[in-house]
Amino acid sequence: MSDKKDPEVKLFTVELANRALPLVRRIVDDLFEEHRRWKELVSRYELAAGAAKAASAESAEMLELRRQVDALARRISGYVGELDQIGVALKGFDEGLVDFYGLHEGRVVCLCWRRGEPAVEHWHELDTGFAGRRPITDDFPGARVEPAPVPRR
């Protein structure tokens, strides 16, 4: 028997996760691009720092690169905060990987989506991560969207 408690998180059905996906997708796309640019600038800063003499202060180029790196880091942090407000956990910058928390058979699991996928179509246990992804089947709450009733005239 496990003493581990389920985390206190916002819970999604697959249907609700897919409804939130257009907004999440835009945030993740922005985050993905900003993170790519951030890594590029960090590399440029490291190259400039490696070329500088150890005893000298930061060059004007290094100061500008550090300013840009810091600005991008703040924007990235803002995007991560937006995902947190929605109730989505960022799991991978490079892959654009996020988890929505949901319920399956009475326990909290992760409804997993990766940038480029058309919908939330996979899930995994909290402790297995991306490597433990499984396809979502009809036994998930909200896995199948029921059609809206047709109004009678």
N, C-alpha and C. Protein backbone atom coordinates (compact mmCIF):
# COMPACT_ATOMS: atom_id res chain seq x y z
N MET A 1 0.84 -1.19 0.00
CA MET A 1 0.00 0.00 0.00
C MET A 1 0.88 1.24 0.00
N SER A 2 0.54 2.19 -0.79
CA SER A 2 1.35 3.40 -0.94
C SER A 2 0.81 4.51 -0.06
N ASP A 3 1.74 5.25 0.57
CA ASP A 3 1.36 6.42 1.35
C ASP A 3 1.34 7.67 0.49
N LYS A 4 1.73 7.52 -0.78
CA LYS A 4 1.81 8.66 -1.68
C LYS A 4 0.40 9.17 -1.98
N LYS A 5 0.19 10.46 -1.74
CA LYS A 5 -1.10 11.07 -2.01
C LYS A 5 -1.12 11.64 -3.41
N ASP A 6 -2.32 11.66 -4.01
CA ASP A 6 -2.47 12.29 -5.30
C ASP A 6 -2.23 13.78 -5.15
N PRO A 7 -1.57 14.38 -6.13
CA PRO A 7 -1.33 15.83 -6.05
C PRO A 7 -2.65 16.60 -6.16
N GLU A 8 -2.66 17.77 -5.56
CA GLU A 8 -3.83 18.64 -5.69
C GLU A 8 -3.64 19.46 -6.96
N VAL A 9 -4.35 19.04 -8.00
CA VAL A 9 -4.22 19.66 -9.31
C VAL A 9 -5.60 19.81 -9.93
N LYS A 10 -5.68 20.65 -10.95
CA LYS A 10 -6.91 20.76 -11.72
C LYS A 10 -7.04 19.49 -12.55
N LEU A 11 -8.20 18.87 -12.53
CA LEU A 11 -8.41 17.63 -13.27
C LEU A 11 -9.18 17.90 -14.56
N PHE A 12 -8.74 17.27 -15.62
CA PHE A 12 -9.34 17.39 -16.93
C PHE A 12 -9.88 16.04 -17.37
N THR A 13 -10.98 16.04 -18.12
CA THR A 13 -11.33 14.88 -18.92
C THR A 13 -10.57 15.04 -20.22
N VAL A 14 -10.55 14.01 -21.02
CA VAL A 14 -9.90 14.12 -22.33
C VAL A 14 -10.60 15.19 -23.16
N GLU A 15 -11.93 15.22 -23.08
CA GLU A 15 -12.70 16.22 -23.82
C GLU A 15 -12.30 17.64 -23.40
N LEU A 16 -12.22 17.88 -22.09
CA LEU A 16 -11.84 19.22 -21.63
C LEU A 16 -10.40 19.57 -22.01
N ALA A 17 -9.50 18.60 -21.95
CA ALA A 17 -8.11 18.85 -22.35
C ALA A 17 -8.06 19.24 -23.83
N ASN A 18 -8.82 18.55 -24.65
CA ASN A 18 -8.82 18.88 -26.07
C ASN A 18 -9.49 20.22 -26.35
N ARG A 19 -10.46 20.62 -25.53
CA ARG A 19 -11.05 21.95 -25.68
C ARG A 19 -10.03 23.04 -25.33
N ALA A 20 -9.16 22.77 -24.36
CA ALA A 20 -8.14 23.74 -23.94
C ALA A 20 -6.95 23.74 -24.89
N LEU A 21 -6.85 22.73 -25.73
CA LEU A 21 -5.66 22.55 -26.55
C LEU A 21 -5.35 23.71 -27.50
N PRO A 22 -6.33 24.36 -28.14
CA PRO A 22 -5.95 25.48 -29.02
C PRO A 22 -5.15 26.57 -28.29
N LEU A 23 -5.56 26.92 -27.08
CA LEU A 23 -4.82 27.91 -26.31
C LEU A 23 -3.47 27.35 -25.87
N VAL A 24 -3.46 26.13 -25.37
CA VAL A 24 -2.22 25.49 -24.92
C VAL A 24 -1.25 25.39 -26.09
N ARG A 25 -1.75 25.03 -27.25
CA ARG A 25 -0.89 24.89 -28.44
C ARG A 25 -0.21 26.22 -28.77
N ARG A 26 -0.97 27.33 -28.72
CA ARG A 26 -0.37 28.64 -29.01
C ARG A 26 0.71 28.99 -28.00
N ILE A 27 0.43 28.74 -26.74
CA ILE A 27 1.43 29.04 -25.69
C ILE A 27 2.67 28.17 -25.88
N VAL A 28 2.48 26.88 -26.12
CA VAL A 28 3.61 25.96 -26.29
C VAL A 28 4.41 26.32 -27.54
N ASP A 29 3.75 26.71 -28.62
CA ASP A 29 4.48 27.13 -29.82
C ASP A 29 5.36 28.35 -29.52
N ASP A 30 4.79 29.34 -28.81
CA ASP A 30 5.58 30.52 -28.43
C ASP A 30 6.72 30.13 -27.52
N LEU A 31 6.45 29.30 -26.55
CA LEU A 31 7.45 28.84 -25.59
C LEU A 31 8.57 28.08 -26.31
N PHE A 32 8.20 27.23 -27.23
CA PHE A 32 9.17 26.44 -28.00
C PHE A 32 10.13 27.35 -28.75
N GLU A 33 9.59 28.35 -29.44
CA GLU A 33 10.43 29.28 -30.21
C GLU A 33 11.31 30.13 -29.29
N GLU A 34 10.74 30.65 -28.22
CA GLU A 34 11.52 31.47 -27.29
C GLU A 34 12.63 30.65 -26.64
N HIS A 35 12.33 29.40 -26.29
CA HIS A 35 13.34 28.55 -25.66
C HIS A 35 14.47 28.25 -26.64
N ARG A 36 14.13 28.01 -27.91
CA ARG A 36 15.14 27.78 -28.94
C ARG A 36 16.06 29.00 -29.05
N ARG A 37 15.45 30.20 -29.10
CA ARG A 37 16.24 31.43 -29.19
C ARG A 37 17.10 31.62 -27.93
N TRP A 38 16.54 31.31 -26.76
CA TRP A 38 17.27 31.44 -25.49
C TRP A 38 18.51 30.56 -25.51
N LYS A 39 18.37 29.29 -25.93
CA LYS A 39 19.51 28.38 -25.99
C LYS A 39 20.58 28.91 -26.94
N GLU A 40 20.15 29.45 -28.07
CA GLU A 40 21.08 30.01 -29.05
C GLU A 40 21.86 31.17 -28.45
N LEU A 41 21.16 32.07 -27.75
CA LEU A 41 21.84 33.22 -27.13
C LEU A 41 22.77 32.79 -26.00
N VAL A 42 22.37 31.80 -25.22
CA VAL A 42 23.25 31.29 -24.16
C VAL A 42 24.53 30.74 -24.77
N SER A 43 24.40 30.01 -25.86
CA SER A 43 25.60 29.47 -26.55
C SER A 43 26.50 30.60 -27.04
N ARG A 44 25.88 31.62 -27.62
CA ARG A 44 26.67 32.77 -28.09
C ARG A 44 27.37 33.46 -26.92
N TYR A 45 26.68 33.61 -25.79
CA TYR A 45 27.29 34.22 -24.61
C TYR A 45 28.47 33.38 -24.13
N GLU A 46 28.29 32.07 -24.08
CA GLU A 46 29.36 31.19 -23.62
C GLU A 46 30.58 31.26 -24.53
N LEU A 47 30.34 31.35 -25.84
CA LEU A 47 31.46 31.50 -26.77
C LEU A 47 32.20 32.82 -26.54
N ALA A 48 31.43 33.90 -26.36
CA ALA A 48 32.04 35.21 -26.10
C ALA A 48 32.81 35.19 -24.78
N ALA A 49 32.25 34.54 -23.78
CA ALA A 49 32.91 34.48 -22.47
C ALA A 49 34.18 33.65 -22.54
N GLY A 50 34.14 32.57 -23.33
CA GLY A 50 35.32 31.73 -23.49
C GLY A 50 36.46 32.46 -24.19
N ALA A 51 36.09 33.36 -25.09
CA ALA A 51 37.10 34.12 -25.83
C ALA A 51 37.65 35.29 -25.02
N ALA A 52 36.91 35.72 -24.01
CA ALA A 52 37.34 36.86 -23.19
C ALA A 52 38.42 36.41 -22.22
N LYS A 53 39.19 37.35 -21.80
CA LYS A 53 40.21 37.06 -20.80
C LYS A 53 39.53 36.87 -19.45
N ALA A 54 40.00 35.93 -18.69
CA ALA A 54 39.39 35.58 -17.40
C ALA A 54 39.36 36.77 -16.44
N ALA A 55 40.36 37.60 -16.47
CA ALA A 55 40.43 38.70 -15.51
C ALA A 55 39.62 39.92 -15.92
N SER A 56 39.18 39.97 -17.18
CA SER A 56 38.49 41.18 -17.63
C SER A 56 36.99 41.10 -17.34
N ALA A 57 36.39 42.26 -17.30
CA ALA A 57 34.94 42.35 -17.07
C ALA A 57 34.22 41.92 -18.35
N GLU A 58 32.91 41.79 -18.24
CA GLU A 58 32.11 41.43 -19.42
C GLU A 58 32.26 42.51 -20.49
N SER A 59 32.38 42.05 -21.72
CA SER A 59 32.46 42.98 -22.85
C SER A 59 31.07 43.54 -23.12
N ALA A 60 31.01 44.56 -23.95
CA ALA A 60 29.72 45.14 -24.34
C ALA A 60 28.86 44.08 -25.03
N GLU A 61 29.49 43.25 -25.85
CA GLU A 61 28.75 42.17 -26.53
C GLU A 61 28.17 41.20 -25.49
N MET A 62 28.97 40.82 -24.52
CA MET A 62 28.51 39.89 -23.49
C MET A 62 27.38 40.50 -22.66
N LEU A 63 27.51 41.78 -22.32
CA LEU A 63 26.45 42.43 -21.56
C LEU A 63 25.14 42.45 -22.33
N GLU A 64 25.20 42.73 -23.63
CA GLU A 64 24.00 42.75 -24.47
C GLU A 64 23.41 41.35 -24.59
N LEU A 65 24.26 40.35 -24.79
CA LEU A 65 23.76 38.98 -24.87
C LEU A 65 23.10 38.55 -23.56
N ARG A 66 23.73 38.92 -22.44
CA ARG A 66 23.14 38.56 -21.14
C ARG A 66 21.80 39.26 -20.95
N ARG A 67 21.69 40.51 -21.39
CA ARG A 67 20.42 41.23 -21.29
C ARG A 67 19.34 40.52 -22.11
N GLN A 68 19.69 40.08 -23.31
CA GLN A 68 18.74 39.36 -24.16
C GLN A 68 18.36 38.01 -23.57
N VAL A 69 19.35 37.30 -23.02
CA VAL A 69 19.10 36.01 -22.38
C VAL A 69 18.12 36.19 -21.21
N ASP A 70 18.37 37.20 -20.39
CA ASP A 70 17.50 37.46 -19.23
C ASP A 70 16.08 37.82 -19.67
N ALA A 71 15.96 38.63 -20.72
CA ALA A 71 14.63 39.02 -21.22
C ALA A 71 13.87 37.80 -21.73
N LEU A 72 14.56 36.94 -22.47
CA LEU A 72 13.91 35.72 -22.96
C LEU A 72 13.53 34.80 -21.81
N ALA A 73 14.38 34.70 -20.81
CA ALA A 73 14.07 33.86 -19.65
C ALA A 73 12.80 34.35 -18.95
N ARG A 74 12.63 35.67 -18.85
CA ARG A 74 11.41 36.21 -18.24
C ARG A 74 10.18 35.88 -19.07
N ARG A 75 10.30 35.98 -20.39
CA ARG A 75 9.16 35.64 -21.26
C ARG A 75 8.82 34.15 -21.15
N ILE A 76 9.85 33.31 -21.14
CA ILE A 76 9.65 31.87 -21.00
C ILE A 76 8.94 31.58 -19.69
N SER A 77 9.40 32.21 -18.63
CA SER A 77 8.76 32.04 -17.32
C SER A 77 7.29 32.46 -17.37
N GLY A 78 7.00 33.52 -18.09
CA GLY A 78 5.62 33.97 -18.23
C GLY A 78 4.76 32.94 -18.95
N TYR A 79 5.29 32.31 -19.99
CA TYR A 79 4.55 31.27 -20.70
C TYR A 79 4.30 30.06 -19.80
N VAL A 80 5.31 29.68 -19.04
CA VAL A 80 5.14 28.55 -18.11
C VAL A 80 4.06 28.91 -17.08
N GLY A 81 4.05 30.17 -16.61
CA GLY A 81 3.02 30.62 -15.69
C GLY A 81 1.63 30.56 -16.30
N GLU A 82 1.51 30.90 -17.58
CA GLU A 82 0.21 30.80 -18.26
C GLU A 82 -0.27 29.35 -18.29
N LEU A 83 0.64 28.43 -18.59
CA LEU A 83 0.25 27.01 -18.58
C LEU A 83 -0.18 26.58 -17.19
N ASP A 84 0.56 27.02 -16.17
CA ASP A 84 0.21 26.69 -14.79
C ASP A 84 -1.20 27.20 -14.45
N GLN A 85 -1.52 28.41 -14.89
CA GLN A 85 -2.85 28.97 -14.61
C GLN A 85 -3.96 28.14 -15.25
N ILE A 86 -3.69 27.59 -16.41
CA ILE A 86 -4.67 26.75 -17.09
C ILE A 86 -4.80 25.41 -16.36
N GLY A 87 -3.74 24.99 -15.69
CA GLY A 87 -3.72 23.70 -15.02
C GLY A 87 -2.91 22.66 -15.76
N VAL A 88 -2.02 23.13 -16.63
CA VAL A 88 -1.22 22.25 -17.48
C VAL A 88 0.23 22.32 -17.02
N ALA A 89 0.89 21.17 -16.97
CA ALA A 89 2.29 21.10 -16.53
C ALA A 89 3.21 20.93 -17.73
N LEU A 90 4.15 21.84 -17.90
CA LEU A 90 5.16 21.71 -18.94
C LEU A 90 6.14 20.63 -18.52
N LYS A 91 6.38 19.67 -19.41
CA LYS A 91 7.28 18.56 -19.10
C LYS A 91 8.52 18.53 -19.97
N GLY A 92 8.55 19.32 -21.04
CA GLY A 92 9.73 19.32 -21.89
C GLY A 92 9.75 20.50 -22.84
N PHE A 93 10.75 21.37 -22.67
CA PHE A 93 10.89 22.53 -23.54
C PHE A 93 11.16 22.12 -24.97
N ASP A 94 12.14 21.24 -25.17
CA ASP A 94 12.59 20.90 -26.52
C ASP A 94 11.53 20.15 -27.32
N GLU A 95 10.71 19.36 -26.64
CA GLU A 95 9.68 18.58 -27.33
C GLU A 95 8.34 19.30 -27.34
N GLY A 96 8.19 20.35 -26.54
CA GLY A 96 6.89 20.97 -26.40
C GLY A 96 5.92 20.00 -25.76
N LEU A 97 6.34 19.36 -24.69
CA LEU A 97 5.60 18.30 -24.03
C LEU A 97 4.88 18.84 -22.80
N VAL A 98 3.57 18.58 -22.72
CA VAL A 98 2.78 19.01 -21.56
C VAL A 98 1.89 17.87 -21.08
N ASP A 99 1.51 17.97 -19.81
CA ASP A 99 0.57 17.03 -19.21
C ASP A 99 -0.62 17.79 -18.64
N PHE A 100 -1.79 17.26 -18.91
CA PHE A 100 -3.03 17.66 -18.26
C PHE A 100 -3.29 16.55 -17.24
N TYR A 101 -3.71 16.89 -16.04
CA TYR A 101 -4.00 15.85 -15.07
C TYR A 101 -5.45 15.40 -15.23
N GLY A 102 -5.66 14.09 -15.15
CA GLY A 102 -6.98 13.53 -15.28
C GLY A 102 -7.14 12.34 -14.35
N LEU A 103 -8.32 11.75 -14.38
CA LEU A 103 -8.60 10.57 -13.57
C LEU A 103 -8.77 9.36 -14.46
N HIS A 104 -8.22 8.25 -14.01
CA HIS A 104 -8.41 6.97 -14.69
C HIS A 104 -8.48 5.90 -13.62
N GLU A 105 -9.60 5.20 -13.59
CA GLU A 105 -9.82 4.14 -12.60
C GLU A 105 -9.58 4.65 -11.18
N GLY A 106 -10.04 5.87 -10.91
CA GLY A 106 -10.00 6.42 -9.56
C GLY A 106 -8.67 7.02 -9.13
N ARG A 107 -7.70 7.09 -10.00
CA ARG A 107 -6.41 7.67 -9.62
C ARG A 107 -6.03 8.79 -10.60
N VAL A 108 -5.19 9.70 -10.12
CA VAL A 108 -4.72 10.79 -10.96
C VAL A 108 -3.66 10.26 -11.92
N VAL A 109 -3.83 10.60 -13.20
CA VAL A 109 -2.87 10.23 -14.24
C VAL A 109 -2.58 11.47 -15.08
N CYS A 110 -1.68 11.35 -16.01
CA CYS A 110 -1.35 12.45 -16.91
C CYS A 110 -1.92 12.17 -18.29
N LEU A 111 -2.67 13.14 -18.79
CA LEU A 111 -3.13 13.12 -20.17
C LEU A 111 -2.05 13.89 -20.93
N CYS A 112 -1.37 13.21 -21.80
CA CYS A 112 -0.11 13.69 -22.36
C CYS A 112 -0.29 14.21 -23.79
N TRP A 113 0.28 15.38 -24.06
CA TRP A 113 0.26 15.96 -25.41
C TRP A 113 1.63 16.50 -25.74
N ARG A 114 2.03 16.30 -27.00
CA ARG A 114 3.31 16.81 -27.48
C ARG A 114 3.07 17.69 -28.68
N ARG A 115 3.82 18.78 -28.75
CA ARG A 115 3.73 19.73 -29.86
C ARG A 115 3.73 18.97 -31.19
N GLY A 116 2.78 19.34 -32.05
CA GLY A 116 2.66 18.71 -33.35
C GLY A 116 1.59 17.63 -33.40
N GLU A 117 1.15 17.13 -32.24
CA GLU A 117 0.09 16.13 -32.23
C GLU A 117 -1.25 16.83 -32.41
N PRO A 118 -2.20 16.20 -33.11
CA PRO A 118 -3.47 16.86 -33.39
C PRO A 118 -4.40 16.99 -32.20
N ALA A 119 -4.24 16.13 -31.20
CA ALA A 119 -5.14 16.12 -30.05
C ALA A 119 -4.46 15.41 -28.88
N VAL A 120 -5.09 15.49 -27.72
CA VAL A 120 -4.63 14.74 -26.55
C VAL A 120 -5.10 13.31 -26.77
N GLU A 121 -4.17 12.42 -27.07
CA GLU A 121 -4.52 11.04 -27.43
C GLU A 121 -3.76 9.99 -26.63
N HIS A 122 -2.97 10.43 -25.65
CA HIS A 122 -2.18 9.50 -24.85
C HIS A 122 -2.27 9.84 -23.37
N TRP A 123 -1.95 8.87 -22.55
CA TRP A 123 -1.92 9.08 -21.10
C TRP A 123 -0.77 8.25 -20.53
N HIS A 124 -0.40 8.59 -19.30
CA HIS A 124 0.59 7.78 -18.58
C HIS A 124 0.40 7.99 -17.08
N GLU A 125 0.92 7.05 -16.33
CA GLU A 125 0.89 7.16 -14.86
C GLU A 125 1.77 8.34 -14.45
N LEU A 126 1.53 8.86 -13.25
CA LEU A 126 2.30 10.00 -12.76
C LEU A 126 3.80 9.71 -12.73
N ASP A 127 4.15 8.48 -12.40
CA ASP A 127 5.57 8.17 -12.20
C ASP A 127 6.25 7.52 -13.41
N THR A 128 5.54 7.37 -14.55
CA THR A 128 6.20 6.72 -15.69
C THR A 128 6.65 7.70 -16.76
N GLY A 129 6.06 8.87 -16.81
CA GLY A 129 6.48 9.87 -17.78
C GLY A 129 6.20 9.46 -19.21
N PHE A 130 6.80 10.22 -20.12
CA PHE A 130 6.57 10.06 -21.55
C PHE A 130 6.82 8.63 -22.02
N ALA A 131 7.84 7.99 -21.47
CA ALA A 131 8.19 6.62 -21.89
C ALA A 131 7.06 5.64 -21.62
N GLY A 132 6.18 5.96 -20.66
CA GLY A 132 5.08 5.07 -20.32
C GLY A 132 3.76 5.42 -21.00
N ARG A 133 3.82 6.25 -22.04
CA ARG A 133 2.58 6.68 -22.71
C ARG A 133 1.82 5.51 -23.29
N ARG A 134 0.49 5.61 -23.16
CA ARG A 134 -0.42 4.62 -23.75
C ARG A 134 -1.52 5.37 -24.48
N PRO A 135 -2.08 4.75 -25.51
CA PRO A 135 -3.19 5.41 -26.21
C PRO A 135 -4.42 5.55 -25.30
N ILE A 136 -5.14 6.63 -25.45
CA ILE A 136 -6.39 6.83 -24.71
C ILE A 136 -7.47 6.00 -25.38
N THR A 137 -8.21 5.28 -24.56
CA THR A 137 -9.32 4.46 -25.05
C THR A 137 -10.63 4.99 -24.47
N ASP A 138 -11.72 4.39 -24.84
CA ASP A 138 -13.05 4.86 -24.43
C ASP A 138 -13.31 4.74 -22.93
N ASP A 139 -12.43 4.10 -22.16
CA ASP A 139 -12.69 3.96 -20.72
C ASP A 139 -12.27 5.18 -19.90
N PHE A 140 -11.79 6.23 -20.58
CA PHE A 140 -11.47 7.48 -19.89
C PHE A 140 -12.70 8.35 -19.79
N PRO A 141 -12.88 9.06 -18.65
CA PRO A 141 -13.99 10.03 -18.58
C PRO A 141 -13.78 11.11 -19.63
N GLY A 142 -14.78 11.34 -20.43
CA GLY A 142 -14.69 12.39 -21.44
C GLY A 142 -13.85 12.02 -22.64
N ALA A 143 -13.50 10.74 -22.79
CA ALA A 143 -12.68 10.35 -23.93
C ALA A 143 -13.45 10.46 -25.23
N ARG A 144 -14.72 10.22 -25.16
CA ARG A 144 -15.56 10.31 -26.36
C ARG A 144 -16.51 11.47 -26.18
N VAL A 145 -16.50 12.37 -27.12
CA VAL A 145 -17.39 13.52 -27.07
C VAL A 145 -18.74 13.10 -27.63
N GLU A 146 -19.76 13.20 -26.81
CA GLU A 146 -21.10 12.86 -27.27
C GLU A 146 -21.64 14.01 -28.10
N PRO A 147 -22.32 13.70 -29.21
CA PRO A 147 -22.87 14.78 -30.01
C PRO A 147 -23.97 15.53 -29.26
N ALA A 148 -24.05 16.81 -29.49
CA ALA A 148 -25.08 17.62 -28.85
C ALA A 148 -26.44 17.20 -29.39
N PRO A 149 -27.46 17.20 -28.54
CA PRO A 149 -28.78 16.82 -29.03
C PRO A 149 -29.28 17.83 -30.05
N VAL A 150 -29.99 17.33 -31.03
CA VAL A 150 -30.56 18.17 -32.07
C VAL A 150 -31.87 18.75 -31.54
N PRO A 151 -32.00 20.05 -31.51
CA PRO A 151 -33.24 20.66 -30.99
C PRO A 151 -34.43 20.32 -31.89
N ARG A 152 -35.55 20.07 -31.27
CA ARG A 152 -36.78 19.81 -32.03
C ARG A 152 -37.43 21.12 -32.39
N ARG A 153 -38.08 21.14 -33.53
CA ARG A 153 -38.76 22.35 -33.98
C ARG A 153 -40.19 22.34 -33.57
